[in-house]
């Protein structure tokens, strides 16, 4: 039975250069969504083709979250020396240029973006983490979210079928999906989100990937979500901190914390000497510049 999405999942959440083949063992459900007024203008000015990718020096400067509500920090976990980010051209295609004349093209160059670390390994303290991603508003199609046991290189090589393979009704904005059955503590998992937008040319379907490890922790929730989000962020639990900020769509405090989290992630990603990391940071900053603040 597909997982039932709850009221806490009010945001919606989703890449590979090989063609996507028909998938099996999928279930289907309609997740919840909140469409903040961020789509129009997101990534305006981003180059329309990969060939015109910006260098880090050309990217937008970071913006600061409101001082009164900014997180002191999201403290990433100690570096995992075995961690490998996605290989260039392997597993990630976050937007398609309009020149390619595909139904996956976004005229505003809006990306499909996993809202998670990609250039360091994310952590969660829960065995049923919530995954979040951004869907462009002007690209139609269904969403597929998959969770694999193992690292992103394992996912890219398709060494084993996914543990979870879920079809979702796509809607613009931030989408979320919670893993329906417990994962194993101490294990590494990779996840992929796919926007199936061009059935005639599956290689153009938008897709993004990320990786996390389930950590044994005594961290517990309290009656104060904002305090919980700060504590999770300071402890290095990206997935848990972001999920808490997405629970209550009407809370200005959680919204401010969410802004601060995404800004901190953009700063961390841009600190990596990598064009893909710089472009990812730019995408996150454009989201912030066009409505979340």
C-alpha atoms as a PDB file:
ATOM      1  CA  UNK A   1       0.000   0.000   0.000  1.00  0.00           C
ATOM      2  CA  UNK A   2       1.438   3.431  -0.880  1.00  0.00           C
ATOM      3  CA  UNK A   3       2.363   5.654   2.033  1.00  0.00           C
ATOM      4  CA  UNK A   4      -0.294   8.029   3.208  1.00  0.00           C
ATOM      5  CA  UNK A   5       0.974  11.583   3.118  1.00  0.00           C
ATOM      6  CA  UNK A   6       0.043  13.601   6.166  1.00  0.00           C
ATOM      7  CA  UNK A   7      -0.761  17.204   6.891  1.00  0.00           C
ATOM      8  CA  UNK A   8       2.840  17.730   7.947  1.00  0.00           C
ATOM      9  CA  UNK A   9       3.894  17.123   4.345  1.00  0.00           C
ATOM     10  CA  UNK A  10       2.714  20.423   2.952  1.00  0.00           C
ATOM     11  CA  UNK A  11       5.633  20.958   0.677  1.00  0.00           C
ATOM     12  CA  UNK A  12       6.491  19.018  -2.402  1.00  0.00           C
ATOM     13  CA  UNK A  13       9.605  17.533  -3.287  1.00  0.00           C
ATOM     14  CA  UNK A  14      13.357  15.449  -7.275  1.00  0.00           C
ATOM     15  CA  UNK A  15      18.477  13.398 -12.326  1.00  0.00           C
ATOM     16  CA  UNK A  16      20.597  10.844 -14.904  1.00  0.00           C
ATOM     17  CA  UNK A  17      22.043  11.087 -18.306  1.00  0.00           C
ATOM     18  CA  UNK A  18      21.063   7.594 -19.389  1.00  0.00           C
ATOM     19  CA  UNK A  19      17.568   6.939 -20.648  1.00  0.00           C
ATOM     20  CA  UNK A  20      15.079   6.057 -17.984  1.00  0.00           C
ATOM     21  CA  UNK A  21      13.689   2.590 -18.565  1.00  0.00           C
ATOM     22  CA  UNK A  22      10.233   1.464 -17.441  1.00  0.00           C
ATOM     23  CA  UNK A  23      10.228   0.822 -13.745  1.00  0.00           C
ATOM     24  CA  UNK A  24       8.590  -1.898 -11.720  1.00  0.00           C
ATOM     25  CA  UNK A  25       7.103  -2.230  -8.285  1.00  0.00           C
ATOM     26  CA  UNK A  26       5.831   1.308  -8.215  1.00  0.00           C
ATOM     27  CA  UNK A  27       2.918   2.533  -6.248  1.00  0.00           C
ATOM     28  CA  UNK A  28       1.060   5.771  -6.864  1.00  0.00           C
ATOM     29  CA  UNK A  29      -0.103   8.509  -4.581  1.00  0.00           C
ATOM     30  CA  UNK A  30      -0.819  12.212  -4.542  1.00  0.00           C
ATOM     31  CA  UNK A  31       1.485  14.081  -2.143  1.00  0.00           C
ATOM     32  CA  UNK A  32       0.769  17.463  -0.591  1.00  0.00           C
ATOM     33  CA  UNK A  33       2.294  20.706  -1.852  1.00  0.00           C
ATOM     34  CA  UNK A  34       2.779  24.301  -0.952  1.00  0.00           C
ATOM     35  CA  UNK A  35       3.677  26.559  -3.911  1.00  0.00           C
ATOM     36  CA  UNK A  36       5.410  29.616  -2.479  1.00  0.00           C
ATOM     37  CA  UNK A  37       5.592  32.603  -4.760  1.00  0.00           C
ATOM     38  CA  UNK A  38       9.068  31.697  -5.890  1.00  0.00           C
ATOM     39  CA  UNK A  39       8.672  30.057  -9.257  1.00  0.00           C
ATOM     40  CA  UNK A  40       8.410  33.154 -11.437  1.00  0.00           C
ATOM     41  CA  UNK A  41      11.924  34.419 -11.783  1.00  0.00           C
ATOM     42  CA  UNK A  42      13.736  31.438 -10.221  1.00  0.00           C
ATOM     43  CA  UNK A  43      17.056  31.082 -11.935  1.00  0.00           C
ATOM     44  CA  UNK A  44      16.361  33.966 -14.301  1.00  0.00           C
ATOM     45  CA  UNK A  45      19.666  34.689 -15.904  1.00  0.00           C
ATOM     46  CA  UNK A  46      20.949  31.133 -15.583  1.00  0.00           C
ATOM     47  CA  UNK A  47      22.578  30.115 -18.870  1.00  0.00           C
ATOM     48  CA  UNK A  48      20.243  28.236 -21.156  1.00  0.00           C
ATOM     49  CA  UNK A  49      22.667  25.449 -21.942  1.00  0.00           C
ATOM     50  CA  UNK A  50      25.293  23.489 -20.096  1.00  0.00           C
ATOM     51  CA  UNK A  51      27.917  24.850 -22.486  1.00  0.00           C
ATOM     52  CA  UNK A  52      27.347  28.313 -21.070  1.00  0.00           C
ATOM     53  CA  UNK A  53      27.791  27.230 -17.458  1.00  0.00           C
ATOM     54  CA  UNK A  54      29.042  30.040 -15.237  1.00  0.00           C
ATOM     55  CA  UNK A  55      32.303  29.998 -13.395  1.00  0.00           C
ATOM     56  CA  UNK A  56      32.167  30.416  -9.622  1.00  0.00           C
ATOM     57  CA  UNK A  57      33.354  34.020  -9.942  1.00  0.00           C
ATOM     58  CA  UNK A  58      30.255  34.951 -11.968  1.00  0.00           C
ATOM     59  CA  UNK A  59      27.714  33.587  -9.519  1.00  0.00           C
ATOM     60  CA  UNK A  60      25.354  35.680  -7.444  1.00  0.00           C
ATOM     61  CA  UNK A  61      26.664  36.816  -4.093  1.00  0.00           C
ATOM     62  CA  UNK A  62      25.150  35.127  -1.030  1.00  0.00           C
ATOM     63  CA  UNK A  63      22.300  36.916   0.661  1.00  0.00           C
ATOM     64  CA  UNK A  64      21.917  36.977   4.402  1.00  0.00           C
ATOM     65  CA  UNK A  65      18.952  35.560   6.263  1.00  0.00           C
ATOM     66  CA  UNK A  66      17.300  37.913   8.796  1.00  0.00           C
ATOM     67  CA  UNK A  67      19.692  38.281  11.708  1.00  0.00           C
ATOM     68  CA  UNK A  68      17.012  37.786  14.340  1.00  0.00           C
ATOM     69  CA  UNK A  69      16.007  34.346  13.116  1.00  0.00           C
ATOM     70  CA  UNK A  70      19.071  33.072  11.265  1.00  0.00           C
ATOM     71  CA  UNK A  71      20.467  29.752  12.374  1.00  0.00           C
ATOM     72  CA  UNK A  72      23.768  30.108  14.159  1.00  0.00           C
ATOM     73  CA  UNK A  73      24.945  27.460  11.712  1.00  0.00           C
ATOM     74  CA  UNK A  74      24.183  24.239   9.960  1.00  0.00           C
ATOM     75  CA  UNK A  75      27.197  22.255  10.994  1.00  0.00           C
ATOM     76  CA  UNK A  76      27.936  19.561   8.423  1.00  0.00           C
ATOM     77  CA  UNK A  77      29.129  16.247   9.829  1.00  0.00           C
ATOM     78  CA  UNK A  78      32.842  15.427   9.778  1.00  0.00           C
ATOM     79  CA  UNK A  79      34.002  14.678   6.223  1.00  0.00           C
ATOM     80  CA  UNK A  80      33.490  11.119   5.064  1.00  0.00           C
ATOM     81  CA  UNK A  81      36.662  10.337   3.125  1.00  0.00           C
ATOM     82  CA  UNK A  82      34.870   7.689   1.110  1.00  0.00           C
ATOM     83  CA  UNK A  83      32.092  10.024  -0.001  1.00  0.00           C
ATOM     84  CA  UNK A  84      31.876  10.792  -3.723  1.00  0.00           C
ATOM     85  CA  UNK A  85      29.584  13.479  -5.196  1.00  0.00           C
ATOM     86  CA  UNK A  86      27.822  12.695  -8.476  1.00  0.00           C
ATOM     87  CA  UNK A  87      30.211  12.179 -11.367  1.00  0.00           C
ATOM     88  CA  UNK A  88      30.040  14.973 -13.983  1.00  0.00           C
ATOM     89  CA  UNK A  89      27.255  14.042 -16.355  1.00  0.00           C
ATOM     90  CA  UNK A  90      26.282  11.034 -14.259  1.00  0.00           C
ATOM     91  CA  UNK A  91      22.876  10.971 -12.619  1.00  0.00           C
ATOM     92  CA  UNK A  92      22.077  14.674 -12.714  1.00  0.00           C
ATOM     93  CA  UNK A  93      20.145  16.773 -15.230  1.00  0.00           C
ATOM     94  CA  UNK A  94      18.348  19.529 -13.392  1.00  0.00           C
ATOM     95  CA  UNK A  95      17.095  21.547 -16.364  1.00  0.00           C
ATOM     96  CA  UNK A  96      16.782  21.376 -20.158  1.00  0.00           C
ATOM     97  CA  UNK A  97      17.451  24.439 -22.297  1.00  0.00           C
ATOM     98  CA  UNK A  98      14.663  25.856 -24.446  1.00  0.00           C
ATOM     99  CA  UNK A  99      16.873  25.352 -27.507  1.00  0.00           C
ATOM    100  CA  UNK A 100      16.353  21.610 -27.171  1.00  0.00           C
ATOM    101  CA  UNK A 101      12.615  22.123 -27.778  1.00  0.00           C
ATOM    102  CA  UNK A 102      11.613  19.477 -25.294  1.00  0.00           C
ATOM    103  CA  UNK A 103       8.577  19.306 -23.058  1.00  0.00           C
ATOM    104  CA  UNK A 104      11.169  19.229 -20.264  1.00  0.00           C
ATOM    105  CA  UNK A 105      12.412  22.724 -21.177  1.00  0.00           C
ATOM    106  CA  UNK A 106      11.783  25.492 -18.683  1.00  0.00           C
ATOM    107  CA  UNK A 107      11.517  28.908 -20.313  1.00  0.00           C
ATOM    108  CA  UNK A 108      12.494  30.445 -16.990  1.00  0.00           C
ATOM    109  CA  UNK A 109      15.353  27.924 -16.604  1.00  0.00           C
ATOM    110  CA  UNK A 110      13.770  26.530 -13.464  1.00  0.00           C
ATOM    111  CA  UNK A 111      15.567  23.456 -12.122  1.00  0.00           C
ATOM    112  CA  UNK A 112      14.481  20.216 -10.600  1.00  0.00           C
ATOM    113  CA  UNK A 113      16.573  20.300  -7.429  1.00  0.00           C
ATOM    114  CA  UNK A 114      16.984  17.930  -4.498  1.00  0.00           C
ATOM    115  CA  UNK A 115      17.010  20.155  -1.417  1.00  0.00           C
ATOM    116  CA  UNK A 116      19.863  18.297   0.209  1.00  0.00           C
ATOM    117  CA  UNK A 117      23.653  18.357   0.368  1.00  0.00           C
ATOM    118  CA  UNK A 118      25.303  16.943  -2.730  1.00  0.00           C
ATOM    119  CA  UNK A 119      28.942  17.839  -2.100  1.00  0.00           C
ATOM    120  CA  UNK A 120      29.063  16.399   1.388  1.00  0.00           C
ATOM    121  CA  UNK A 121      27.141  13.461   2.815  1.00  0.00           C
ATOM    122  CA  UNK A 122      23.896  14.367   4.537  1.00  0.00           C
ATOM    123  CA  UNK A 123      22.779  12.774   7.782  1.00  0.00           C
ATOM    124  CA  UNK A 124      19.487  11.868   9.417  1.00  0.00           C
ATOM    125  CA  UNK A 125      18.806  10.549  12.892  1.00  0.00           C
ATOM    126  CA  UNK A 126      15.433   9.074  11.951  1.00  0.00           C
ATOM    127  CA  UNK A 127      14.944   5.743  10.212  1.00  0.00           C
ATOM    128  CA  UNK A 128      12.085   7.219   8.176  1.00  0.00           C
ATOM    129  CA  UNK A 129      13.523  10.472   6.842  1.00  0.00           C
ATOM    130  CA  UNK A 130      11.593  13.034   4.825  1.00  0.00           C
ATOM    131  CA  UNK A 131      13.075  13.904   1.420  1.00  0.00           C
ATOM    132  CA  UNK A 132      12.428  17.305  -0.182  1.00  0.00           C
ATOM    133  CA  UNK A 133      12.956  18.716  -3.666  1.00  0.00           C
ATOM    134  CA  UNK A 134      11.930  21.660  -5.837  1.00  0.00           C
ATOM    135  CA  UNK A 135       9.845  21.200  -8.998  1.00  0.00           C
ATOM    136  CA  UNK A 136       9.745  23.882 -11.751  1.00  0.00           C
ATOM    137  CA  UNK A 137       6.280  25.281 -12.320  1.00  0.00           C
ATOM    138  CA  UNK A 138       6.397  25.389 -16.111  1.00  0.00           C
ATOM    139  CA  UNK A 139       7.401  21.764 -16.716  1.00  0.00           C
ATOM    140  CA  UNK A 140       4.600  19.198 -16.627  1.00  0.00           C
ATOM    141  CA  UNK A 141       5.045  15.527 -15.821  1.00  0.00           C
ATOM    142  CA  UNK A 142       4.853  12.953 -13.079  1.00  0.00           C
ATOM    143  CA  UNK A 143       7.485  12.587 -10.382  1.00  0.00           C
ATOM    144  CA  UNK A 144       9.269   9.370  -9.466  1.00  0.00           C
ATOM    145  CA  UNK A 145      11.241   9.194  -6.223  1.00  0.00           C
ATOM    146  CA  UNK A 146      13.526   6.234  -5.553  1.00  0.00           C
ATOM    147  CA  UNK A 147      15.645   5.179  -2.579  1.00  0.00           C
ATOM    148  CA  UNK A 148      18.584   2.796  -2.998  1.00  0.00           C
ATOM    149  CA  UNK A 149      20.764   1.126  -0.406  1.00  0.00           C
ATOM    150  CA  UNK A 150      24.348   2.180  -1.021  1.00  0.00           C
ATOM    151  CA  UNK A 151      26.118   5.273  -2.295  1.00  0.00           C
ATOM    152  CA  UNK A 152      25.494   7.484  -5.313  1.00  0.00           C
ATOM    153  CA  UNK A 153      28.090   5.587  -7.413  1.00  0.00           C
ATOM    154  CA  UNK A 154      26.069   2.427  -6.693  1.00  0.00           C
ATOM    155  CA  UNK A 155      22.913   4.213  -7.817  1.00  0.00           C
ATOM    156  CA  UNK A 156      24.549   5.443 -11.024  1.00  0.00           C
ATOM    157  CA  UNK A 157      25.684   1.924 -11.884  1.00  0.00           C
ATOM    158  CA  UNK A 158      22.223   0.483 -11.138  1.00  0.00           C
ATOM    159  CA  UNK A 159      23.853  -2.392  -9.241  1.00  0.00           C
ATOM    160  CA  UNK A 160      20.573  -3.264  -7.514  1.00  0.00           C
ATOM    161  CA  UNK A 161      16.894  -2.317  -7.735  1.00  0.00           C
ATOM    162  CA  UNK A 162      15.575   0.482  -5.536  1.00  0.00           C
ATOM    163  CA  UNK A 163      14.229  -0.269  -2.087  1.00  0.00           C
ATOM    164  CA  UNK A 164      11.429   2.208  -2.761  1.00  0.00           C
ATOM    165  CA  UNK A 165      10.116   3.316  -6.140  1.00  0.00           C
ATOM    166  CA  UNK A 166       7.225   5.750  -5.787  1.00  0.00           C
ATOM    167  CA  UNK A 167       5.176   7.590  -8.411  1.00  0.00           C
ATOM    168  CA  UNK A 168       3.780  10.946  -7.281  1.00  0.00           C
ATOM    169  CA  UNK A 169       1.494  13.500  -8.856  1.00  0.00           C
ATOM    170  CA  UNK A 170       3.760  16.426  -9.663  1.00  0.00           C
ATOM    171  CA  UNK A 171       2.885  19.954  -8.645  1.00  0.00           C
ATOM    172  CA  UNK A 172       5.079  23.017  -8.738  1.00  0.00           C
ATOM    173  CA  UNK A 173       7.061  24.057  -5.715  1.00  0.00           C
ATOM    174  CA  UNK A 174       8.675  22.206  -2.848  1.00  0.00           C
ATOM    175  CA  UNK A 175       7.526  18.602  -2.607  1.00  0.00           C
ATOM    176  CA  UNK A 176       8.191  16.168   0.224  1.00  0.00           C
ATOM    177  CA  UNK A 177       7.952  12.433   0.646  1.00  0.00           C
ATOM    178  CA  UNK A 178       8.619  10.382   3.778  1.00  0.00           C
ATOM    179  CA  UNK A 179      10.215   6.944   3.531  1.00  0.00           C
ATOM    180  CA  UNK A 180       7.342   4.556   4.362  1.00  0.00           C
ATOM    181  CA  UNK A 181       9.297   1.823   6.189  1.00  0.00           C
ATOM    182  CA  UNK A 182      12.256   2.075   8.563  1.00  0.00           C
ATOM    183  CA  UNK A 183      15.777   2.125   7.160  1.00  0.00           C
ATOM    184  CA  UNK A 184      18.776   0.610   8.935  1.00  0.00           C
ATOM    185  CA  UNK A 185      20.875   2.636  11.351  1.00  0.00           C
ATOM    186  CA  UNK A 186      24.461   2.934  10.155  1.00  0.00           C
ATOM    187  CA  UNK A 187      23.578   2.314   6.509  1.00  0.00           C
ATOM    188  CA  UNK A 188      24.138   4.683   3.585  1.00  0.00           C
ATOM    189  CA  UNK A 189      21.310   5.384   1.138  1.00  0.00           C
ATOM    190  CA  UNK A 190      21.140   7.251  -2.155  1.00  0.00           C
ATOM    191  CA  UNK A 191      17.931   8.752  -3.481  1.00  0.00           C
ATOM    192  CA  UNK A 192      16.886   9.981  -6.868  1.00  0.00           C
ATOM    193  CA  UNK A 193      14.009  12.147  -7.997  1.00  0.00           C
ATOM    194  CA  UNK A 194      12.914  12.129 -11.638  1.00  0.00           C
ATOM    195  CA  UNK A 195      10.482  14.458 -13.392  1.00  0.00           C
ATOM    196  CA  UNK A 196       9.164  12.355 -16.272  1.00  0.00           C
ATOM    197  CA  UNK A 197       8.430  15.165 -18.707  1.00  0.00           C
ATOM    198  CA  UNK A 198       9.452  13.810 -22.143  1.00  0.00           C
ATOM    199  CA  UNK A 199       8.309  10.252 -22.805  1.00  0.00           C
ATOM    200  CA  UNK A 200       9.569  10.469 -26.391  1.00  0.00           C
ATOM    201  CA  UNK A 201      13.104  11.333 -25.240  1.00  0.00           C
ATOM    202  CA  UNK A 202      13.557   9.853 -21.752  1.00  0.00           C
ATOM    203  CA  UNK A 203      17.191  10.997 -21.666  1.00  0.00           C
ATOM    204  CA  UNK A 204      15.878  14.563 -21.302  1.00  0.00           C
ATOM    205  CA  UNK A 205      13.797  13.788 -18.224  1.00  0.00           C
ATOM    206  CA  UNK A 206      14.909  15.955 -15.311  1.00  0.00           C
ATOM    207  CA  UNK A 207      16.606  14.143 -12.456  1.00  0.00           C
ATOM    208  CA  UNK A 208      18.676  14.825  -9.381  1.00  0.00           C
ATOM    209  CA  UNK A 209      20.335  12.701  -6.716  1.00  0.00           C
ATOM    210  CA  UNK A 210      21.584  12.938  -3.141  1.00  0.00           C
ATOM    211  CA  UNK A 211      22.928  10.642  -0.441  1.00  0.00           C
ATOM    212  CA  UNK A 212      22.518  10.291   3.305  1.00  0.00           C
ATOM    213  CA  UNK A 213      23.501   8.042   6.180  1.00  0.00           C
ATOM    214  CA  UNK A 214      21.203   7.029   9.041  1.00  0.00           C
ATOM    215  CA  UNK A 215      22.968   7.858  12.310  1.00  0.00           C
ATOM    216  CA  UNK A 216      22.266   6.405  15.743  1.00  0.00           C
ATOM    217  CA  UNK A 217      21.369   9.383  17.892  1.00  0.00           C
ATOM    218  CA  UNK A 218      19.521  10.202  21.083  1.00  0.00           C
ATOM    219  CA  UNK A 219      18.128  13.399  19.555  1.00  0.00           C
ATOM    220  CA  UNK A 220      14.450  13.794  20.406  1.00  0.00           C
ATOM    221  CA  UNK A 221      11.689  16.199  19.496  1.00  0.00           C
ATOM    222  CA  UNK A 222      10.296  18.747  21.939  1.00  0.00           C
ATOM    223  CA  UNK A 223       7.213  20.953  21.901  1.00  0.00           C
ATOM    224  CA  UNK A 224       9.206  23.744  20.203  1.00  0.00           C
ATOM    225  CA  UNK A 225       9.709  23.032  16.464  1.00  0.00           C
ATOM    226  CA  UNK A 226      11.961  26.055  15.921  1.00  0.00           C
ATOM    227  CA  UNK A 227      14.261  24.989  18.732  1.00  0.00           C
ATOM    228  CA  UNK A 228      14.265  21.446  17.364  1.00  0.00           C
ATOM    229  CA  UNK A 229      15.224  22.672  13.878  1.00  0.00           C
ATOM    230  CA  UNK A 230      18.113  24.699  15.298  1.00  0.00           C
ATOM    231  CA  UNK A 231      19.342  21.762  17.348  1.00  0.00           C
ATOM    232  CA  UNK A 232      19.148  19.345  14.416  1.00  0.00           C
ATOM    233  CA  UNK A 233      21.022  21.793  12.181  1.00  0.00           C
ATOM    234  CA  UNK A 234      23.731  22.381  14.774  1.00  0.00           C
ATOM    235  CA  UNK A 235      24.104  18.603  15.187  1.00  0.00           C
ATOM    236  CA  UNK A 236      24.572  18.060  11.451  1.00  0.00           C
ATOM    237  CA  UNK A 237      21.194  16.438  10.760  1.00  0.00           C
ATOM    238  CA  UNK A 238      20.278  18.267   7.541  1.00  0.00           C
ATOM    239  CA  UNK A 239      17.316  16.097   6.593  1.00  0.00           C
ATOM    240  CA  UNK A 240      15.681  16.376  10.006  1.00  0.00           C
ATOM    241  CA  UNK A 241      16.243  20.125  10.335  1.00  0.00           C
ATOM    242  CA  UNK A 242      14.756  20.877   6.908  1.00  0.00           C
ATOM    243  CA  UNK A 243      11.819  18.514   7.456  1.00  0.00           C
ATOM    244  CA  UNK A 244      10.894  20.314  10.675  1.00  0.00           C
ATOM    245  CA  UNK A 245      10.875  23.693   8.925  1.00  0.00           C
ATOM    246  CA  UNK A 246       8.477  22.259   6.325  1.00  0.00           C
ATOM    247  CA  UNK A 247       5.960  20.939   8.833  1.00  0.00           C
ATOM    248  CA  UNK A 248       4.013  24.134   9.467  1.00  0.00           C
ATOM    249  CA  UNK A 249       3.349  26.215   6.394  1.00  0.00           C
ATOM    250  CA  UNK A 250       1.986  29.219   8.293  1.00  0.00           C
ATOM    251  CA  UNK A 251       4.819  29.657  10.786  1.00  0.00           C
ATOM    252  CA  UNK A 252       6.949  32.766  10.039  1.00  0.00           C
ATOM    253  CA  UNK A 253       9.642  31.487  12.384  1.00  0.00           C
ATOM    254  CA  UNK A 254       9.971  28.133  10.630  1.00  0.00           C
ATOM    255  CA  UNK A 255       9.936  29.905   7.270  1.00  0.00           C
ATOM    256  CA  UNK A 256      12.843  32.094   8.379  1.00  0.00           C
ATOM    257  CA  UNK A 257      14.729  29.053   9.611  1.00  0.00           C
ATOM    258  CA  UNK A 258      14.124  27.323   6.289  1.00  0.00           C
ATOM    259  CA  UNK A 259      15.558  30.333   4.453  1.00  0.00           C
ATOM    260  CA  UNK A 260      18.605  30.259   6.694  1.00  0.00           C
ATOM    261  CA  UNK A 261      19.108  26.533   6.168  1.00  0.00           C
ATOM    262  CA  UNK A 262      19.009  26.818   2.384  1.00  0.00           C
ATOM    263  CA  UNK A 263      21.314  29.842   2.438  1.00  0.00           C
ATOM    264  CA  UNK A 264      23.806  27.989   4.601  1.00  0.00           C
ATOM    265  CA  UNK A 265      23.697  25.017   2.247  1.00  0.00           C
ATOM    266  CA  UNK A 266      24.289  27.305  -0.744  1.00  0.00           C
ATOM    267  CA  UNK A 267      27.321  28.799   1.000  1.00  0.00           C
ATOM    268  CA  UNK A 268      28.706  25.348   1.787  1.00  0.00           C
ATOM    269  CA  UNK A 269      28.200  24.062  -1.758  1.00  0.00           C
ATOM    270  CA  UNK A 270      29.776  27.156  -3.307  1.00  0.00           C
ATOM    271  CA  UNK A 271      32.835  26.612  -1.125  1.00  0.00           C
ATOM    272  CA  UNK A 272      33.578  23.490  -3.164  1.00  0.00           C
ATOM    273  CA  UNK A 273      35.994  24.077  -6.058  1.00  0.00           C
ATOM    274  CA  UNK A 274      33.603  22.685  -8.647  1.00  0.00           C
ATOM    275  CA  UNK A 275      31.477  24.174 -11.427  1.00  0.00           C
ATOM    276  CA  UNK A 276      28.546  21.806 -10.677  1.00  0.00           C
ATOM    277  CA  UNK A 277      28.697  22.822  -7.011  1.00  0.00           C
ATOM    278  CA  UNK A 278      28.778  26.512  -7.946  1.00  0.00           C
ATOM    279  CA  UNK A 279      25.764  26.104 -10.235  1.00  0.00           C
ATOM    280  CA  UNK A 280      23.893  24.246  -7.517  1.00  0.00           C
ATOM    281  CA  UNK A 281      24.627  27.030  -5.053  1.00  0.00           C
ATOM    282  CA  UNK A 282      23.393  29.570  -7.596  1.00  0.00           C
ATOM    283  CA  UNK A 283      20.119  27.684  -7.979  1.00  0.00           C
ATOM    284  CA  UNK A 284      19.557  27.687  -4.227  1.00  0.00           C
ATOM    285  CA  UNK A 285      20.323  31.399  -3.981  1.00  0.00           C
ATOM    286  CA  UNK A 286      17.931  32.236  -6.806  1.00  0.00           C
ATOM    287  CA  UNK A 287      15.190  30.482  -4.884  1.00  0.00           C
ATOM    288  CA  UNK A 288      15.910  32.686  -1.891  1.00  0.00           C
ATOM    289  CA  UNK A 289      16.154  35.872  -3.968  1.00  0.00           C
ATOM    290  CA  UNK A 290      12.799  35.385  -5.648  1.00  0.00           C
ATOM    291  CA  UNK A 291      10.361  34.957  -2.826  1.00  0.00           C
ATOM    292  CA  UNK A 292      11.369  32.894   0.189  1.00  0.00           C
ATOM    293  CA  UNK A 293      12.706  35.954   1.982  1.00  0.00           C
END
